[in-house]
């Protein structure tokens, strides 16, 4: 990617871009993690994506030639590749398969956002948490022990709630023997009941 991308390093807690900034290109995470979020007028944060190594972000407004619709902040010291719009569009012109790969990834991102909107509008917080735990178990090779790589405040924001509510529900799940909380690990003890909790809402019961 020499001549097409430039490397950037962003320290933990520092912004990559702000909502409303001109989208002059997009980024790929080489190492570290980036939080994509929006803030309400009251200052409440809603996390939209957590971006890890190998994942691009900022590509949609870049293609449209618009402005970034959300904020991007490094959750830890992060190395990025920045692709300028002009150079990347030239690269796509010479290698059209890149456009197809990008469209496939954007389709997956759209599915994620659709599910997020559905969860926030249709599911109660305990159902969102159950769905999140099952999802994390799935992407971690169906392990019953899930390692939280974000703190509980960020998890609450991701689920569209506040830390106090999340703590109460975690305690409730623990008392009902659905999970066991062990530091930053959550062990699923009753996968069937968590799945029922999610499917009940999806089936309109």
N, C-alpha and C. Protein backbone atom coordinates (compact mmCIF):
# COMPACT_ATOMS: atom_id res chain seq x y z
N UNK A 1 0.81 -1.21 0.00
CA UNK A 1 0.00 0.00 0.00
C UNK A 1 0.86 1.27 0.00
N UNK A 2 2.13 1.10 -0.30
CA UNK A 2 3.03 2.25 -0.30
C UNK A 2 2.53 3.30 -1.29
N UNK A 3 2.46 4.55 -0.85
CA UNK A 3 2.00 5.63 -1.71
C UNK A 3 0.50 5.81 -1.68
N UNK A 4 -0.24 4.81 -1.15
CA UNK A 4 -1.70 4.89 -1.08
C UNK A 4 -2.16 5.22 0.34
N UNK A 5 -1.51 4.61 1.32
CA UNK A 5 -1.89 4.79 2.72
C UNK A 5 -0.74 5.37 3.53
N UNK A 6 -1.08 6.08 4.57
CA UNK A 6 -0.10 6.60 5.50
C UNK A 6 -0.42 6.08 6.90
N UNK A 7 0.61 5.86 7.70
CA UNK A 7 0.40 5.33 9.05
C UNK A 7 0.22 6.48 10.03
N UNK A 8 -0.61 6.23 11.03
CA UNK A 8 -0.86 7.20 12.08
C UNK A 8 -0.93 6.47 13.41
N UNK A 9 -0.50 7.12 14.46
CA UNK A 9 -0.61 6.57 15.81
C UNK A 9 -1.47 7.50 16.66
N UNK A 10 -2.46 6.92 17.32
CA UNK A 10 -3.35 7.70 18.17
C UNK A 10 -3.29 7.14 19.58
N UNK A 11 -3.02 7.99 20.56
CA UNK A 11 -2.89 7.55 21.94
C UNK A 11 -4.26 7.25 22.55
N UNK A 12 -4.25 6.47 23.59
CA UNK A 12 -5.48 6.11 24.28
C UNK A 12 -6.25 7.36 24.71
N UNK A 13 -7.55 7.37 24.40
CA UNK A 13 -8.41 8.49 24.78
C UNK A 13 -8.40 9.65 23.82
N UNK A 14 -7.55 9.59 22.80
CA UNK A 14 -7.47 10.69 21.85
C UNK A 14 -8.42 10.46 20.67
N UNK A 15 -8.99 11.52 20.11
CA UNK A 15 -9.91 11.36 18.98
C UNK A 15 -9.17 11.06 17.68
N UNK A 16 -9.80 10.23 16.86
CA UNK A 16 -9.34 10.04 15.48
C UNK A 16 -10.02 11.07 14.60
N UNK A 17 -11.32 11.25 14.83
CA UNK A 17 -12.07 12.34 14.20
C UNK A 17 -13.32 12.60 15.02
N UNK A 18 -13.93 13.75 14.77
CA UNK A 18 -15.16 14.14 15.45
C UNK A 18 -16.32 14.11 14.46
N UNK A 19 -17.52 13.92 14.99
CA UNK A 19 -18.72 14.04 14.17
C UNK A 19 -18.75 15.41 13.51
N UNK A 20 -18.98 15.42 12.20
CA UNK A 20 -19.03 16.68 11.47
C UNK A 20 -17.75 17.03 10.75
N UNK A 21 -16.62 16.34 11.10
CA UNK A 21 -15.38 16.58 10.37
C UNK A 21 -15.52 16.11 8.93
N UNK A 22 -14.85 16.80 8.03
CA UNK A 22 -14.87 16.41 6.62
C UNK A 22 -14.19 15.05 6.46
N UNK A 23 -14.86 14.13 5.74
CA UNK A 23 -14.33 12.79 5.53
C UNK A 23 -13.40 12.81 4.31
N UNK A 24 -12.14 13.01 4.55
CA UNK A 24 -11.16 13.08 3.48
C UNK A 24 -10.57 11.72 3.14
N UNK A 25 -10.97 10.70 3.89
CA UNK A 25 -10.48 9.35 3.66
C UNK A 25 -11.05 8.43 4.72
N UNK A 26 -10.52 7.20 4.78
CA UNK A 26 -10.96 6.26 5.80
C UNK A 26 -9.75 5.59 6.43
N UNK A 27 -10.02 4.78 7.46
CA UNK A 27 -8.95 4.21 8.28
C UNK A 27 -9.09 2.69 8.37
N UNK A 28 -7.97 2.03 8.61
CA UNK A 28 -7.94 0.62 8.98
C UNK A 28 -7.09 0.51 10.24
N UNK A 29 -7.60 -0.24 11.21
CA UNK A 29 -6.86 -0.44 12.46
C UNK A 29 -5.79 -1.51 12.26
N UNK A 30 -4.55 -1.15 12.56
CA UNK A 30 -3.47 -2.14 12.53
C UNK A 30 -3.33 -2.81 13.89
N UNK A 31 -3.38 -2.03 14.94
CA UNK A 31 -3.33 -2.57 16.30
C UNK A 31 -4.08 -1.61 17.21
N UNK A 32 -4.61 -2.15 18.32
CA UNK A 32 -5.40 -1.32 19.21
C UNK A 32 -6.88 -1.42 18.89
N UNK A 33 -7.66 -0.49 19.45
CA UNK A 33 -9.10 -0.49 19.23
C UNK A 33 -9.62 0.93 19.19
N UNK A 34 -10.70 1.11 18.43
CA UNK A 34 -11.32 2.43 18.27
C UNK A 34 -12.81 2.31 18.56
N UNK A 35 -13.32 3.27 19.28
CA UNK A 35 -14.75 3.33 19.61
C UNK A 35 -15.42 4.33 18.68
N UNK A 36 -16.49 3.89 18.02
CA UNK A 36 -17.31 4.78 17.19
C UNK A 36 -18.60 5.05 17.97
N UNK A 37 -18.90 6.31 18.22
CA UNK A 37 -20.05 6.62 19.05
C UNK A 37 -20.67 7.96 18.67
N UNK A 38 -21.89 8.16 19.16
CA UNK A 38 -22.58 9.43 19.01
C UNK A 38 -22.98 9.93 20.39
N UNK A 39 -23.07 11.25 20.51
CA UNK A 39 -23.49 11.87 21.76
C UNK A 39 -24.83 12.57 21.55
N UNK A 40 -25.75 12.39 22.49
CA UNK A 40 -27.01 13.10 22.44
C UNK A 40 -26.79 14.53 22.90
N UNK A 41 -27.75 15.42 22.64
CA UNK A 41 -27.61 16.81 23.14
C UNK A 41 -27.42 16.88 24.65
N UNK A 42 -27.90 15.84 25.36
CA UNK A 42 -27.75 15.81 26.82
C UNK A 42 -26.42 15.22 27.25
N UNK A 43 -25.62 14.78 26.28
CA UNK A 43 -24.31 14.23 26.60
C UNK A 43 -24.28 12.73 26.79
N UNK A 44 -25.40 12.04 26.55
CA UNK A 44 -25.42 10.58 26.67
C UNK A 44 -24.76 9.95 25.46
N UNK A 45 -23.87 9.01 25.72
CA UNK A 45 -23.13 8.35 24.64
C UNK A 45 -23.79 7.05 24.24
N UNK A 46 -23.86 6.81 22.92
CA UNK A 46 -24.29 5.52 22.39
C UNK A 46 -23.17 4.99 21.52
N UNK A 47 -22.57 3.88 21.94
CA UNK A 47 -21.52 3.26 21.15
C UNK A 47 -22.16 2.52 19.97
N UNK A 48 -21.66 2.77 18.78
CA UNK A 48 -22.17 2.13 17.57
C UNK A 48 -21.32 0.94 17.16
N UNK A 49 -20.01 1.09 17.25
CA UNK A 49 -19.09 0.03 16.86
C UNK A 49 -17.86 0.06 17.76
N UNK A 50 -17.27 -1.10 17.95
CA UNK A 50 -15.94 -1.22 18.52
C UNK A 50 -15.07 -1.84 17.44
N UNK A 51 -14.09 -1.08 16.97
CA UNK A 51 -13.30 -1.46 15.80
C UNK A 51 -11.96 -2.02 16.26
N UNK A 52 -11.62 -3.22 15.79
CA UNK A 52 -10.36 -3.86 16.16
C UNK A 52 -9.43 -4.06 14.98
N UNK A 53 -8.29 -4.71 15.21
CA UNK A 53 -7.29 -4.90 14.15
C UNK A 53 -7.86 -5.53 12.88
N UNK A 54 -7.52 -4.92 11.75
CA UNK A 54 -7.96 -5.41 10.45
C UNK A 54 -9.26 -4.80 9.97
N UNK A 55 -9.97 -4.07 10.83
CA UNK A 55 -11.27 -3.52 10.46
C UNK A 55 -11.14 -2.08 9.95
N UNK A 56 -11.87 -1.75 8.88
CA UNK A 56 -11.91 -0.36 8.40
C UNK A 56 -13.01 0.42 9.09
N UNK A 57 -12.90 1.73 9.08
CA UNK A 57 -13.98 2.59 9.55
C UNK A 57 -13.87 3.95 8.88
N UNK A 58 -15.02 4.63 8.79
CA UNK A 58 -15.06 5.93 8.13
C UNK A 58 -15.20 5.86 6.63
N UNK A 59 -15.49 4.66 6.10
CA UNK A 59 -15.49 4.50 4.65
C UNK A 59 -16.76 5.02 3.98
N UNK A 60 -17.90 4.96 4.67
CA UNK A 60 -19.15 5.39 4.03
C UNK A 60 -19.15 6.88 3.69
N UNK A 61 -18.89 7.77 4.65
CA UNK A 61 -18.86 9.20 4.29
C UNK A 61 -17.72 9.53 3.34
N UNK A 62 -16.64 8.73 3.40
CA UNK A 62 -15.55 8.95 2.46
C UNK A 62 -16.02 8.74 1.03
N UNK A 63 -16.76 7.64 0.77
CA UNK A 63 -17.27 7.38 -0.57
C UNK A 63 -18.26 8.45 -1.00
N UNK A 64 -19.06 8.93 -0.05
CA UNK A 64 -20.08 9.93 -0.39
C UNK A 64 -19.50 11.33 -0.49
N UNK A 65 -18.27 11.49 -0.04
CA UNK A 65 -17.67 12.82 -0.06
C UNK A 65 -18.29 13.75 0.95
N UNK A 66 -18.76 13.19 2.07
CA UNK A 66 -19.45 13.99 3.07
C UNK A 66 -18.66 14.18 4.34
N UNK A 67 -19.37 14.21 5.46
CA UNK A 67 -18.75 14.40 6.77
C UNK A 67 -18.98 13.18 7.65
N UNK A 68 -18.10 12.97 8.60
CA UNK A 68 -18.24 11.83 9.49
C UNK A 68 -19.50 12.00 10.35
N UNK A 69 -20.34 10.96 10.43
CA UNK A 69 -21.60 11.07 11.18
C UNK A 69 -21.48 10.73 12.65
N UNK A 70 -20.28 10.38 13.11
CA UNK A 70 -20.09 9.99 14.51
C UNK A 70 -18.66 10.33 14.92
N UNK A 71 -18.38 10.10 16.20
CA UNK A 71 -17.04 10.34 16.74
C UNK A 71 -16.25 9.03 16.76
N UNK A 72 -14.94 9.14 16.58
CA UNK A 72 -14.04 7.99 16.69
C UNK A 72 -12.94 8.32 17.69
N UNK A 73 -12.80 7.48 18.72
CA UNK A 73 -11.82 7.71 19.78
C UNK A 73 -11.05 6.42 20.02
N UNK A 74 -9.74 6.53 20.20
CA UNK A 74 -8.91 5.36 20.49
C UNK A 74 -9.16 4.88 21.92
N UNK A 75 -9.47 3.60 22.09
CA UNK A 75 -9.67 3.03 23.42
C UNK A 75 -8.35 2.65 24.07
N UNK A 76 -7.32 2.52 23.27
CA UNK A 76 -5.97 2.23 23.74
C UNK A 76 -5.02 2.78 22.70
N UNK A 77 -3.73 2.75 22.98
CA UNK A 77 -2.77 3.21 21.97
C UNK A 77 -3.00 2.41 20.69
N UNK A 78 -3.24 3.13 19.60
CA UNK A 78 -3.72 2.49 18.37
C UNK A 78 -2.91 2.93 17.16
N UNK A 79 -2.56 1.96 16.32
CA UNK A 79 -1.89 2.24 15.05
C UNK A 79 -2.90 2.11 13.92
N UNK A 80 -2.93 3.11 13.05
CA UNK A 80 -3.90 3.17 11.97
C UNK A 80 -3.21 3.32 10.63
N UNK A 81 -3.90 2.86 9.60
CA UNK A 81 -3.57 3.23 8.23
C UNK A 81 -4.64 4.17 7.73
N UNK A 82 -4.23 5.29 7.15
CA UNK A 82 -5.18 6.26 6.60
C UNK A 82 -5.09 6.23 5.08
N UNK A 83 -6.26 6.02 4.43
CA UNK A 83 -6.35 6.01 2.98
C UNK A 83 -7.08 7.27 2.54
N UNK A 84 -6.42 8.12 1.81
CA UNK A 84 -7.09 9.33 1.32
C UNK A 84 -8.10 8.95 0.25
N UNK A 85 -9.19 9.70 0.19
CA UNK A 85 -10.25 9.42 -0.77
C UNK A 85 -9.72 9.44 -2.20
N UNK A 86 -8.95 10.44 -2.53
CA UNK A 86 -8.46 10.58 -3.90
C UNK A 86 -7.61 9.40 -4.32
N UNK A 87 -6.67 9.00 -3.45
CA UNK A 87 -5.78 7.91 -3.81
C UNK A 87 -6.49 6.57 -3.82
N UNK A 88 -7.45 6.39 -2.88
CA UNK A 88 -8.14 5.11 -2.84
C UNK A 88 -9.08 4.96 -4.03
N UNK A 89 -9.76 6.02 -4.43
CA UNK A 89 -10.63 5.94 -5.60
C UNK A 89 -9.82 5.63 -6.85
N UNK A 90 -8.62 6.16 -6.93
CA UNK A 90 -7.74 5.83 -8.06
C UNK A 90 -7.35 4.36 -8.02
N UNK A 91 -7.10 3.85 -6.80
CA UNK A 91 -6.73 2.44 -6.66
C UNK A 91 -7.89 1.53 -7.06
N UNK A 92 -9.12 1.90 -6.68
CA UNK A 92 -10.30 1.12 -7.06
C UNK A 92 -10.46 1.11 -8.58
N UNK A 93 -10.18 2.24 -9.21
CA UNK A 93 -10.28 2.30 -10.66
C UNK A 93 -9.35 1.31 -11.34
N UNK A 94 -8.21 1.04 -10.72
CA UNK A 94 -7.24 0.10 -11.29
C UNK A 94 -7.48 -1.34 -10.82
N UNK A 95 -8.17 -1.48 -9.68
CA UNK A 95 -8.42 -2.82 -9.12
C UNK A 95 -9.87 -2.89 -8.64
N UNK A 96 -10.83 -3.07 -9.56
CA UNK A 96 -12.26 -3.04 -9.20
C UNK A 96 -12.67 -4.06 -8.15
N UNK A 97 -11.93 -5.16 -8.00
CA UNK A 97 -12.29 -6.16 -7.00
C UNK A 97 -12.27 -5.58 -5.59
N UNK A 98 -11.48 -4.54 -5.38
CA UNK A 98 -11.46 -3.88 -4.07
C UNK A 98 -12.82 -3.28 -3.74
N UNK A 99 -13.49 -2.75 -4.76
CA UNK A 99 -14.81 -2.16 -4.54
C UNK A 99 -15.81 -3.23 -4.11
N UNK A 100 -15.73 -4.42 -4.73
CA UNK A 100 -16.65 -5.49 -4.36
C UNK A 100 -16.40 -5.95 -2.92
N UNK A 101 -15.13 -6.05 -2.54
CA UNK A 101 -14.82 -6.44 -1.17
C UNK A 101 -15.32 -5.40 -0.17
N UNK A 102 -15.18 -4.14 -0.54
CA UNK A 102 -15.64 -3.07 0.35
C UNK A 102 -17.16 -3.10 0.47
N UNK A 103 -17.86 -3.35 -0.62
CA UNK A 103 -19.32 -3.42 -0.57
C UNK A 103 -19.79 -4.56 0.32
N UNK A 104 -19.09 -5.70 0.26
CA UNK A 104 -19.45 -6.84 1.10
C UNK A 104 -19.30 -6.48 2.58
N UNK A 105 -18.21 -5.78 2.90
CA UNK A 105 -18.00 -5.39 4.29
C UNK A 105 -19.04 -4.37 4.74
N UNK A 106 -19.37 -3.42 3.86
CA UNK A 106 -20.37 -2.42 4.20
C UNK A 106 -21.75 -3.06 4.43
N UNK A 107 -22.03 -4.11 3.68
CA UNK A 107 -23.30 -4.82 3.87
C UNK A 107 -23.35 -5.45 5.27
N UNK A 108 -22.24 -6.02 5.71
CA UNK A 108 -22.18 -6.60 7.05
C UNK A 108 -22.35 -5.52 8.12
N UNK A 109 -21.72 -4.36 7.88
CA UNK A 109 -21.84 -3.26 8.83
C UNK A 109 -23.29 -2.77 8.90
N UNK A 110 -23.98 -2.76 7.76
CA UNK A 110 -25.39 -2.34 7.75
C UNK A 110 -26.26 -3.31 8.54
N UNK A 111 -25.97 -4.61 8.40
CA UNK A 111 -26.72 -5.61 9.18
C UNK A 111 -26.52 -5.37 10.67
N UNK A 112 -25.28 -5.06 11.06
CA UNK A 112 -25.00 -4.79 12.47
C UNK A 112 -25.79 -3.58 12.96
N UNK A 113 -25.80 -2.51 12.19
CA UNK A 113 -26.53 -1.31 12.60
C UNK A 113 -28.03 -1.56 12.67
N UNK A 114 -28.55 -2.35 11.73
CA UNK A 114 -29.97 -2.69 11.76
C UNK A 114 -30.33 -3.44 13.03
N UNK A 115 -29.47 -4.39 13.42
CA UNK A 115 -29.71 -5.15 14.65
C UNK A 115 -29.60 -4.25 15.86
N UNK A 116 -28.66 -3.31 15.82
CA UNK A 116 -28.51 -2.38 16.95
C UNK A 116 -29.77 -1.55 17.13
N UNK A 117 -30.31 -1.02 16.03
CA UNK A 117 -31.54 -0.23 16.11
C UNK A 117 -32.70 -1.08 16.63
N UNK A 118 -32.80 -2.30 16.14
CA UNK A 118 -33.86 -3.19 16.60
C UNK A 118 -33.72 -3.46 18.10
N UNK A 119 -32.50 -3.73 18.54
CA UNK A 119 -32.28 -4.03 19.95
C UNK A 119 -32.66 -2.84 20.84
N UNK A 120 -32.23 -1.64 20.42
CA UNK A 120 -32.47 -0.47 21.25
C UNK A 120 -33.95 -0.09 21.28
N UNK A 121 -34.66 -0.37 20.19
CA UNK A 121 -36.06 0.05 20.11
C UNK A 121 -37.05 -1.03 20.56
N UNK A 122 -36.67 -2.30 20.43
CA UNK A 122 -37.62 -3.38 20.68
C UNK A 122 -37.31 -4.23 21.90
N UNK A 123 -36.04 -4.27 22.32
CA UNK A 123 -35.67 -5.15 23.42
C UNK A 123 -35.47 -4.38 24.72
N UNK A 124 -35.82 -5.03 25.83
CA UNK A 124 -35.50 -4.50 27.14
C UNK A 124 -34.00 -4.70 27.39
N UNK A 125 -33.47 -3.98 28.38
CA UNK A 125 -32.03 -4.01 28.61
C UNK A 125 -31.55 -5.43 28.93
N UNK A 126 -32.31 -6.18 29.73
CA UNK A 126 -31.87 -7.54 30.08
C UNK A 126 -31.82 -8.43 28.84
N UNK A 127 -32.71 -8.18 27.88
CA UNK A 127 -32.70 -8.96 26.64
C UNK A 127 -31.50 -8.57 25.77
N UNK A 128 -31.16 -7.28 25.77
CA UNK A 128 -29.98 -6.83 25.03
C UNK A 128 -28.72 -7.46 25.60
N UNK A 129 -28.64 -7.52 26.93
CA UNK A 129 -27.47 -8.12 27.55
C UNK A 129 -27.39 -9.61 27.23
N UNK A 130 -28.51 -10.30 27.29
CA UNK A 130 -28.52 -11.73 26.95
C UNK A 130 -28.06 -11.94 25.51
N UNK A 131 -28.56 -11.11 24.59
CA UNK A 131 -28.17 -11.23 23.18
C UNK A 131 -26.68 -10.95 23.02
N UNK A 132 -26.17 -9.96 23.74
CA UNK A 132 -24.75 -9.62 23.65
C UNK A 132 -23.89 -10.78 24.15
N UNK A 133 -24.25 -11.37 25.26
CA UNK A 133 -23.47 -12.47 25.81
C UNK A 133 -23.45 -13.66 24.86
N UNK A 134 -24.59 -13.97 24.26
CA UNK A 134 -24.65 -15.08 23.31
C UNK A 134 -23.83 -14.78 22.07
N UNK A 135 -23.89 -13.52 21.61
CA UNK A 135 -23.11 -13.12 20.43
C UNK A 135 -21.62 -13.23 20.72
N UNK A 136 -21.17 -12.71 21.88
CA UNK A 136 -19.76 -12.76 22.21
C UNK A 136 -19.30 -14.20 22.39
N UNK A 137 -20.15 -15.05 22.94
CA UNK A 137 -19.80 -16.47 23.07
C UNK A 137 -19.60 -17.09 21.69
N UNK A 138 -20.48 -16.72 20.75
CA UNK A 138 -20.39 -17.28 19.40
C UNK A 138 -19.09 -16.89 18.72
N UNK A 139 -18.71 -15.60 18.79
CA UNK A 139 -17.50 -15.17 18.09
C UNK A 139 -16.24 -15.59 18.83
N UNK A 140 -16.39 -16.05 20.08
CA UNK A 140 -15.26 -16.60 20.82
C UNK A 140 -15.33 -18.13 20.85
N UNK A 141 -15.68 -18.69 19.68
CA UNK A 141 -15.69 -20.15 19.47
C UNK A 141 -16.66 -20.87 20.39
N UNK A 142 -17.83 -20.23 20.64
CA UNK A 142 -18.88 -20.83 21.46
C UNK A 142 -18.39 -21.19 22.87
N UNK A 143 -17.45 -20.41 23.34
CA UNK A 143 -16.95 -20.64 24.70
C UNK A 143 -17.98 -20.19 25.72
N UNK A 144 -18.05 -20.91 26.84
CA UNK A 144 -18.96 -20.51 27.91
C UNK A 144 -18.37 -19.39 28.75
N UNK A 145 -17.07 -19.13 28.62
CA UNK A 145 -16.42 -18.06 29.37
C UNK A 145 -16.07 -16.93 28.42
N UNK A 146 -16.65 -15.75 28.67
CA UNK A 146 -16.47 -14.59 27.81
C UNK A 146 -15.54 -13.60 28.50
N UNK A 147 -14.53 -13.18 27.79
CA UNK A 147 -13.61 -12.17 28.31
C UNK A 147 -14.07 -10.80 27.84
N UNK A 148 -14.41 -9.92 28.78
CA UNK A 148 -14.83 -8.56 28.44
C UNK A 148 -13.58 -7.73 28.16
N UNK A 149 -13.47 -7.22 26.93
CA UNK A 149 -12.32 -6.39 26.59
C UNK A 149 -12.65 -4.91 26.66
N UNK A 150 -13.82 -4.59 27.22
CA UNK A 150 -14.20 -3.20 27.49
C UNK A 150 -14.70 -3.13 28.93
N UNK A 151 -14.58 -1.97 29.56
CA UNK A 151 -15.07 -1.88 30.94
C UNK A 151 -16.59 -1.76 30.94
N UNK A 152 -17.18 -1.93 32.11
CA UNK A 152 -18.64 -2.03 32.21
C UNK A 152 -19.35 -0.75 31.80
N UNK A 153 -18.69 0.39 31.99
CA UNK A 153 -19.29 1.64 31.53
C UNK A 153 -19.45 1.67 30.03
N UNK A 154 -18.43 1.18 29.30
CA UNK A 154 -18.51 1.12 27.85
C UNK A 154 -19.52 0.07 27.40
N UNK A 155 -19.60 -1.05 28.12
CA UNK A 155 -20.60 -2.06 27.78
C UNK A 155 -22.00 -1.50 27.97
N UNK A 156 -22.21 -0.73 29.04
CA UNK A 156 -23.52 -0.11 29.26
C UNK A 156 -23.88 0.81 28.10
N UNK A 157 -22.90 1.61 27.65
CA UNK A 157 -23.15 2.50 26.52
C UNK A 157 -23.45 1.72 25.25
N UNK A 158 -22.75 0.62 25.05
CA UNK A 158 -22.99 -0.22 23.88
C UNK A 158 -24.40 -0.78 23.89
N UNK A 159 -24.92 -1.09 25.08
CA UNK A 159 -26.26 -1.67 25.22
C UNK A 159 -27.34 -0.61 25.37
N UNK A 160 -26.94 0.66 25.34
CA UNK A 160 -27.93 1.73 25.41
C UNK A 160 -28.53 1.91 26.78
N UNK A 161 -27.72 1.75 27.82
CA UNK A 161 -28.21 1.91 29.18
C UNK A 161 -27.15 2.63 30.01
N UNK A 162 -27.31 2.64 31.33
CA UNK A 162 -26.35 3.28 32.23
C UNK A 162 -25.69 2.21 33.08
N UNK A 163 -24.49 2.49 33.61
CA UNK A 163 -23.76 1.47 34.37
C UNK A 163 -24.54 0.90 35.54
N UNK A 164 -25.32 1.75 36.24
CA UNK A 164 -26.06 1.26 37.40
C UNK A 164 -27.10 0.20 37.00
N UNK A 165 -27.78 0.45 35.87
CA UNK A 165 -28.77 -0.52 35.40
C UNK A 165 -28.09 -1.81 34.97
N UNK A 166 -26.96 -1.69 34.27
CA UNK A 166 -26.22 -2.88 33.84
C UNK A 166 -25.77 -3.70 35.05
N UNK A 167 -25.27 -3.03 36.08
CA UNK A 167 -24.82 -3.75 37.28
C UNK A 167 -25.96 -4.50 37.93
N UNK A 168 -27.15 -3.87 37.99
CA UNK A 168 -28.31 -4.54 38.58
C UNK A 168 -28.69 -5.79 37.80
N UNK A 169 -28.63 -5.70 36.47
CA UNK A 169 -29.03 -6.85 35.65
C UNK A 169 -27.98 -7.96 35.73
N UNK A 170 -26.71 -7.59 35.77
CA UNK A 170 -25.66 -8.60 35.95
C UNK A 170 -25.85 -9.33 37.28
N UNK A 171 -26.18 -8.57 38.32
CA UNK A 171 -26.43 -9.18 39.63
C UNK A 171 -27.64 -10.10 39.56
N UNK A 172 -28.69 -9.65 38.88
CA UNK A 172 -29.89 -10.48 38.73
C UNK A 172 -29.57 -11.77 37.99
N UNK A 173 -28.82 -11.67 36.87
CA UNK A 173 -28.44 -12.86 36.10
C UNK A 173 -27.62 -13.81 36.97
N UNK A 174 -26.74 -13.22 37.78
CA UNK A 174 -25.90 -14.04 38.67
C UNK A 174 -26.77 -14.76 39.71
N UNK A 175 -27.70 -14.02 40.31
CA UNK A 175 -28.56 -14.61 41.35
C UNK A 175 -29.48 -15.68 40.78
N UNK A 176 -29.85 -15.54 39.50
CA UNK A 176 -30.72 -16.53 38.85
C UNK A 176 -29.91 -17.68 38.26
N UNK A 177 -28.60 -17.67 38.52
CA UNK A 177 -27.69 -18.73 38.07
C UNK A 177 -27.61 -18.83 36.55
N UNK A 178 -27.82 -17.69 35.88
CA UNK A 178 -27.66 -17.66 34.43
C UNK A 178 -26.20 -17.46 34.04
N UNK A 179 -25.49 -16.69 34.86
CA UNK A 179 -24.08 -16.39 34.60
C UNK A 179 -23.32 -16.38 35.92
N UNK A 180 -22.00 -16.40 35.81
CA UNK A 180 -21.12 -16.16 36.95
C UNK A 180 -20.13 -15.09 36.52
N UNK A 181 -20.04 -14.01 37.30
CA UNK A 181 -19.13 -12.91 36.99
C UNK A 181 -17.84 -13.13 37.77
N UNK A 182 -16.74 -13.25 37.04
CA UNK A 182 -15.44 -13.53 37.65
C UNK A 182 -14.45 -12.49 37.14
N UNK A 183 -14.42 -11.33 37.80
CA UNK A 183 -13.56 -10.24 37.34
C UNK A 183 -14.04 -9.73 36.01
N UNK A 184 -13.16 -9.77 34.99
CA UNK A 184 -13.54 -9.33 33.64
C UNK A 184 -14.05 -10.50 32.79
N UNK A 185 -14.20 -11.64 33.41
CA UNK A 185 -14.77 -12.80 32.72
C UNK A 185 -16.22 -13.00 33.14
N UNK A 186 -17.05 -13.37 32.19
CA UNK A 186 -18.43 -13.76 32.47
C UNK A 186 -18.62 -15.19 31.96
N UNK A 187 -18.98 -16.07 32.86
CA UNK A 187 -19.18 -17.47 32.50
C UNK A 187 -20.67 -17.75 32.36
N UNK A 188 -21.07 -18.22 31.19
CA UNK A 188 -22.47 -18.57 30.94
C UNK A 188 -22.76 -19.91 31.60
N UNK A 189 -23.78 -19.91 32.49
CA UNK A 189 -24.13 -21.13 33.21
C UNK A 189 -25.45 -21.73 32.73
N UNK A 190 -26.27 -20.90 32.03
CA UNK A 190 -27.54 -21.41 31.52
C UNK A 190 -27.80 -20.77 30.16
N UNK A 191 -27.15 -21.32 29.15
CA UNK A 191 -27.28 -20.78 27.79
C UNK A 191 -28.71 -20.87 27.29
N UNK A 192 -29.41 -21.95 27.64
CA UNK A 192 -30.78 -22.16 27.15
C UNK A 192 -31.71 -21.05 27.62
N UNK A 193 -31.61 -20.65 28.89
CA UNK A 193 -32.48 -19.60 29.41
C UNK A 193 -32.16 -18.24 28.79
N UNK A 194 -30.88 -17.97 28.55
CA UNK A 194 -30.51 -16.73 27.87
C UNK A 194 -31.09 -16.69 26.47
N UNK A 195 -31.01 -17.83 25.78
CA UNK A 195 -31.55 -17.90 24.42
C UNK A 195 -33.07 -17.72 24.42
N UNK A 196 -33.75 -18.31 25.39
CA UNK A 196 -35.19 -18.13 25.50
C UNK A 196 -35.56 -16.67 25.71
N UNK A 197 -34.75 -15.99 26.50
CA UNK A 197 -34.99 -14.58 26.80
C UNK A 197 -34.95 -13.75 25.52
N UNK A 198 -33.98 -14.06 24.65
CA UNK A 198 -33.83 -13.32 23.39
C UNK A 198 -34.93 -13.71 22.42
N UNK A 199 -35.20 -14.99 22.29
CA UNK A 199 -36.16 -15.48 21.30
C UNK A 199 -37.59 -15.09 21.66
N UNK A 200 -37.88 -14.93 22.93
CA UNK A 200 -39.22 -14.52 23.35
C UNK A 200 -39.60 -13.21 22.71
N UNK A 201 -38.69 -12.24 22.72
CA UNK A 201 -38.94 -10.94 22.13
C UNK A 201 -39.01 -11.04 20.62
N UNK A 202 -38.12 -11.80 20.02
CA UNK A 202 -38.08 -11.91 18.56
C UNK A 202 -39.33 -12.56 18.02
N UNK A 203 -39.92 -13.46 18.81
CA UNK A 203 -41.14 -14.14 18.36
C UNK A 203 -42.40 -13.35 18.69
N UNK A 204 -42.23 -12.18 19.32
CA UNK A 204 -43.37 -11.33 19.62
C UNK A 204 -44.20 -11.82 20.77
N UNK A 205 -43.60 -12.69 21.60
CA UNK A 205 -44.36 -13.22 22.75
C UNK A 205 -44.40 -12.20 23.87
